[in-house]
């Protein structure tokens, strides 16, 4: 059984995607994912968003806008 709720799951998504969770936190995350369709959809959306931002060509946005978007996304999903 998962030791985390949906709020904690959302707080850990960025760390999970970046491989920064310790073994127990990752297992708790995966356990919750197996029980919660809503969080499964949320994780999929975050993967798609991350990939879309990563795939943006560096010259497709003016100045440092691409990096600013990536930084803002990381801050928003890790708080």
N, C-alpha and C. Protein backbone atom coordinates (compact mmCIF):
# COMPACT_ATOMS: atom_id res chain seq x y z
N UNK A 1 0.83 -1.19 0.00
CA UNK A 1 0.00 0.00 0.00
C UNK A 1 0.87 1.25 0.00
N UNK A 2 0.42 2.26 -0.71
CA UNK A 2 1.18 3.49 -0.85
C UNK A 2 1.16 4.30 0.44
N UNK A 3 2.29 4.91 0.73
CA UNK A 3 2.39 5.76 1.92
C UNK A 3 2.24 7.24 1.58
N UNK A 4 1.90 7.56 0.32
CA UNK A 4 1.74 8.96 -0.04
C UNK A 4 0.34 9.20 -0.60
N UNK A 5 -0.11 10.45 -0.50
CA UNK A 5 -1.40 10.81 -1.09
C UNK A 5 -1.15 11.57 -2.40
N UNK A 6 -2.22 11.99 -3.04
CA UNK A 6 -2.10 12.66 -4.35
C UNK A 6 -1.29 13.95 -4.26
N UNK A 7 -1.47 14.71 -3.20
CA UNK A 7 -0.72 15.96 -3.05
C UNK A 7 0.79 15.68 -3.00
N UNK A 8 1.17 14.69 -2.21
CA UNK A 8 2.59 14.33 -2.11
C UNK A 8 3.10 13.78 -3.44
N UNK A 9 2.26 13.04 -4.14
CA UNK A 9 2.62 12.51 -5.45
C UNK A 9 2.99 13.66 -6.38
N UNK A 10 2.11 14.66 -6.45
CA UNK A 10 2.34 15.82 -7.32
C UNK A 10 3.64 16.52 -6.94
N UNK A 11 3.91 16.64 -5.66
CA UNK A 11 5.13 17.30 -5.19
C UNK A 11 6.39 16.55 -5.62
N UNK A 12 6.27 15.24 -5.84
CA UNK A 12 7.44 14.41 -6.17
C UNK A 12 7.62 14.16 -7.66
N UNK A 13 6.70 14.61 -8.48
CA UNK A 13 6.75 14.28 -9.91
C UNK A 13 8.07 14.69 -10.55
N UNK A 14 8.49 15.92 -10.35
CA UNK A 14 9.73 16.39 -10.98
C UNK A 14 10.92 15.56 -10.51
N UNK A 15 11.00 15.31 -9.22
CA UNK A 15 12.11 14.50 -8.70
C UNK A 15 12.08 13.10 -9.29
N UNK A 16 10.89 12.54 -9.43
CA UNK A 16 10.77 11.21 -10.04
C UNK A 16 11.25 11.24 -11.49
N UNK A 17 10.78 12.19 -12.25
CA UNK A 17 11.15 12.27 -13.66
C UNK A 17 12.64 12.51 -13.85
N UNK A 18 13.25 13.18 -12.90
CA UNK A 18 14.69 13.46 -12.99
C UNK A 18 15.54 12.40 -12.30
N UNK A 19 14.89 11.36 -11.74
CA UNK A 19 15.62 10.27 -11.10
C UNK A 19 16.24 10.66 -9.78
N UNK A 20 15.65 11.62 -9.08
CA UNK A 20 16.23 12.13 -7.85
C UNK A 20 15.61 11.58 -6.57
N UNK A 21 14.68 10.63 -6.66
CA UNK A 21 14.07 10.07 -5.45
C UNK A 21 14.93 8.92 -4.91
N UNK A 22 15.01 8.82 -3.58
CA UNK A 22 15.69 7.66 -3.01
C UNK A 22 14.82 6.43 -3.24
N UNK A 23 15.35 5.26 -2.96
CA UNK A 23 14.67 4.01 -3.29
C UNK A 23 13.28 3.91 -2.64
N UNK A 24 13.16 4.26 -1.37
CA UNK A 24 11.86 4.16 -0.70
C UNK A 24 10.86 5.17 -1.24
N UNK A 25 11.30 6.40 -1.47
CA UNK A 25 10.40 7.43 -2.01
C UNK A 25 9.93 7.05 -3.41
N UNK A 26 10.82 6.47 -4.20
CA UNK A 26 10.44 6.03 -5.54
C UNK A 26 9.43 4.88 -5.47
N UNK A 27 9.64 3.96 -4.55
CA UNK A 27 8.70 2.84 -4.41
C UNK A 27 7.33 3.34 -3.95
N UNK A 28 7.31 4.28 -3.00
CA UNK A 28 6.05 4.87 -2.56
C UNK A 28 5.34 5.56 -3.73
N UNK A 29 6.10 6.26 -4.55
CA UNK A 29 5.57 6.94 -5.72
C UNK A 29 4.94 5.93 -6.68
N UNK A 30 5.66 4.87 -6.98
CA UNK A 30 5.18 3.84 -7.90
C UNK A 30 3.96 3.12 -7.32
N UNK A 31 3.99 2.85 -6.02
CA UNK A 31 2.84 2.20 -5.37
C UNK A 31 1.59 3.07 -5.51
N UNK A 32 1.74 4.36 -5.29
CA UNK A 32 0.59 5.26 -5.42
C UNK A 32 0.12 5.29 -6.87
N UNK A 33 1.04 5.35 -7.78
CA UNK A 33 0.71 5.37 -9.20
C UNK A 33 -0.12 4.17 -9.60
N UNK A 34 0.18 3.02 -9.04
CA UNK A 34 -0.56 1.79 -9.35
C UNK A 34 -2.01 1.85 -8.86
N UNK A 35 -2.28 2.71 -7.87
CA UNK A 35 -3.61 2.77 -7.27
C UNK A 35 -4.45 3.96 -7.72
N UNK A 36 -3.86 4.90 -8.43
CA UNK A 36 -4.54 6.17 -8.69
C UNK A 36 -4.51 6.54 -10.17
N UNK A 37 -5.63 6.37 -10.84
CA UNK A 37 -5.72 6.71 -12.26
C UNK A 37 -5.49 8.19 -12.50
N UNK A 38 -5.96 9.03 -11.61
CA UNK A 38 -5.78 10.47 -11.78
C UNK A 38 -4.31 10.86 -11.77
N UNK A 39 -3.55 10.28 -10.87
CA UNK A 39 -2.12 10.59 -10.80
C UNK A 39 -1.37 9.97 -11.98
N UNK A 40 -1.85 8.85 -12.48
CA UNK A 40 -1.24 8.27 -13.67
C UNK A 40 -1.40 9.22 -14.85
N UNK A 41 -2.59 9.80 -15.00
CA UNK A 41 -2.83 10.77 -16.08
C UNK A 41 -1.98 12.02 -15.87
N UNK A 42 -1.88 12.47 -14.62
CA UNK A 42 -1.07 13.65 -14.31
C UNK A 42 0.40 13.42 -14.68
N UNK A 43 0.93 12.27 -14.31
CA UNK A 43 2.32 11.95 -14.64
C UNK A 43 2.51 11.93 -16.15
N UNK A 44 1.57 11.34 -16.88
CA UNK A 44 1.67 11.31 -18.33
C UNK A 44 1.66 12.73 -18.90
N UNK A 45 0.80 13.60 -18.37
CA UNK A 45 0.75 14.99 -18.84
C UNK A 45 2.07 15.71 -18.56
N UNK A 46 2.67 15.45 -17.41
CA UNK A 46 3.94 16.09 -17.07
C UNK A 46 5.06 15.58 -17.99
N UNK A 47 5.03 14.31 -18.30
CA UNK A 47 6.02 13.77 -19.25
C UNK A 47 5.87 14.43 -20.62
N UNK A 48 4.64 14.57 -21.07
CA UNK A 48 4.39 15.19 -22.38
C UNK A 48 4.81 16.66 -22.38
N UNK A 49 4.51 17.37 -21.29
CA UNK A 49 4.90 18.78 -21.19
C UNK A 49 6.41 18.93 -21.18
N UNK A 50 7.07 18.10 -20.39
CA UNK A 50 8.53 18.15 -20.33
C UNK A 50 9.13 17.87 -21.69
N UNK A 51 8.62 16.86 -22.37
CA UNK A 51 9.14 16.51 -23.70
C UNK A 51 8.90 17.64 -24.69
N UNK A 52 7.72 18.24 -24.65
CA UNK A 52 7.41 19.33 -25.57
C UNK A 52 8.36 20.51 -25.35
N UNK A 53 8.63 20.84 -24.08
CA UNK A 53 9.55 21.93 -23.79
C UNK A 53 10.98 21.58 -24.18
N UNK A 54 11.36 20.35 -23.96
CA UNK A 54 12.71 19.91 -24.31
C UNK A 54 12.91 19.91 -25.82
N UNK A 55 11.85 19.58 -26.54
CA UNK A 55 11.94 19.49 -28.00
C UNK A 55 11.93 20.85 -28.70
N UNK A 56 11.61 21.91 -27.97
CA UNK A 56 11.60 23.23 -28.60
C UNK A 56 13.01 23.56 -29.09
N UNK A 57 13.14 23.93 -30.34
CA UNK A 57 14.46 24.35 -30.81
C UNK A 57 14.90 25.60 -30.05
N UNK A 58 16.16 25.68 -29.73
CA UNK A 58 16.68 26.79 -28.94
C UNK A 58 16.38 28.13 -29.60
N UNK A 59 16.31 28.17 -30.91
CA UNK A 59 16.09 29.44 -31.61
C UNK A 59 14.60 29.71 -31.88
N UNK A 60 13.70 28.87 -31.36
CA UNK A 60 12.27 29.07 -31.61
C UNK A 60 11.66 30.13 -30.71
N UNK A 61 12.35 30.48 -29.64
CA UNK A 61 11.87 31.49 -28.70
C UNK A 61 12.92 32.58 -28.56
N UNK A 62 12.50 33.81 -28.36
CA UNK A 62 13.48 34.89 -28.23
C UNK A 62 14.29 34.78 -26.93
N UNK A 63 15.55 35.13 -27.04
CA UNK A 63 16.41 35.21 -25.86
C UNK A 63 16.44 33.92 -25.06
N UNK A 64 16.30 34.06 -23.76
CA UNK A 64 16.35 32.92 -22.86
C UNK A 64 14.96 32.42 -22.48
N UNK A 65 13.97 32.67 -23.32
CA UNK A 65 12.59 32.29 -23.00
C UNK A 65 12.44 30.79 -22.81
N UNK A 66 13.12 29.98 -23.64
CA UNK A 66 13.03 28.51 -23.51
C UNK A 66 13.51 28.08 -22.14
N UNK A 67 14.69 28.57 -21.74
CA UNK A 67 15.22 28.20 -20.43
C UNK A 67 14.35 28.74 -19.30
N UNK A 68 13.79 29.92 -19.49
CA UNK A 68 12.90 30.48 -18.47
C UNK A 68 11.65 29.62 -18.32
N UNK A 69 11.11 29.13 -19.44
CA UNK A 69 9.95 28.23 -19.38
C UNK A 69 10.29 26.94 -18.65
N UNK A 70 11.43 26.35 -18.99
CA UNK A 70 11.84 25.11 -18.32
C UNK A 70 12.06 25.33 -16.83
N UNK A 71 12.70 26.43 -16.47
CA UNK A 71 12.93 26.73 -15.05
C UNK A 71 11.61 26.95 -14.32
N UNK A 72 10.69 27.69 -14.94
CA UNK A 72 9.39 27.95 -14.31
C UNK A 72 8.63 26.64 -14.12
N UNK A 73 8.68 25.77 -15.10
CA UNK A 73 8.01 24.46 -15.00
C UNK A 73 8.61 23.66 -13.85
N UNK A 74 9.91 23.62 -13.76
CA UNK A 74 10.56 22.87 -12.69
C UNK A 74 10.19 23.41 -11.31
N UNK A 75 10.19 24.73 -11.19
CA UNK A 75 9.81 25.34 -9.90
C UNK A 75 8.36 25.03 -9.55
N UNK A 76 7.50 25.13 -10.53
CA UNK A 76 6.06 24.90 -10.29
C UNK A 76 5.78 23.47 -9.89
N UNK A 77 6.48 22.51 -10.45
CA UNK A 77 6.20 21.11 -10.16
C UNK A 77 6.98 20.58 -8.98
N UNK A 78 7.92 21.35 -8.48
CA UNK A 78 8.68 20.86 -7.32
C UNK A 78 8.25 21.53 -6.03
N UNK A 79 7.31 22.44 -6.09
CA UNK A 79 6.89 23.12 -4.85
C UNK A 79 5.62 22.52 -4.29
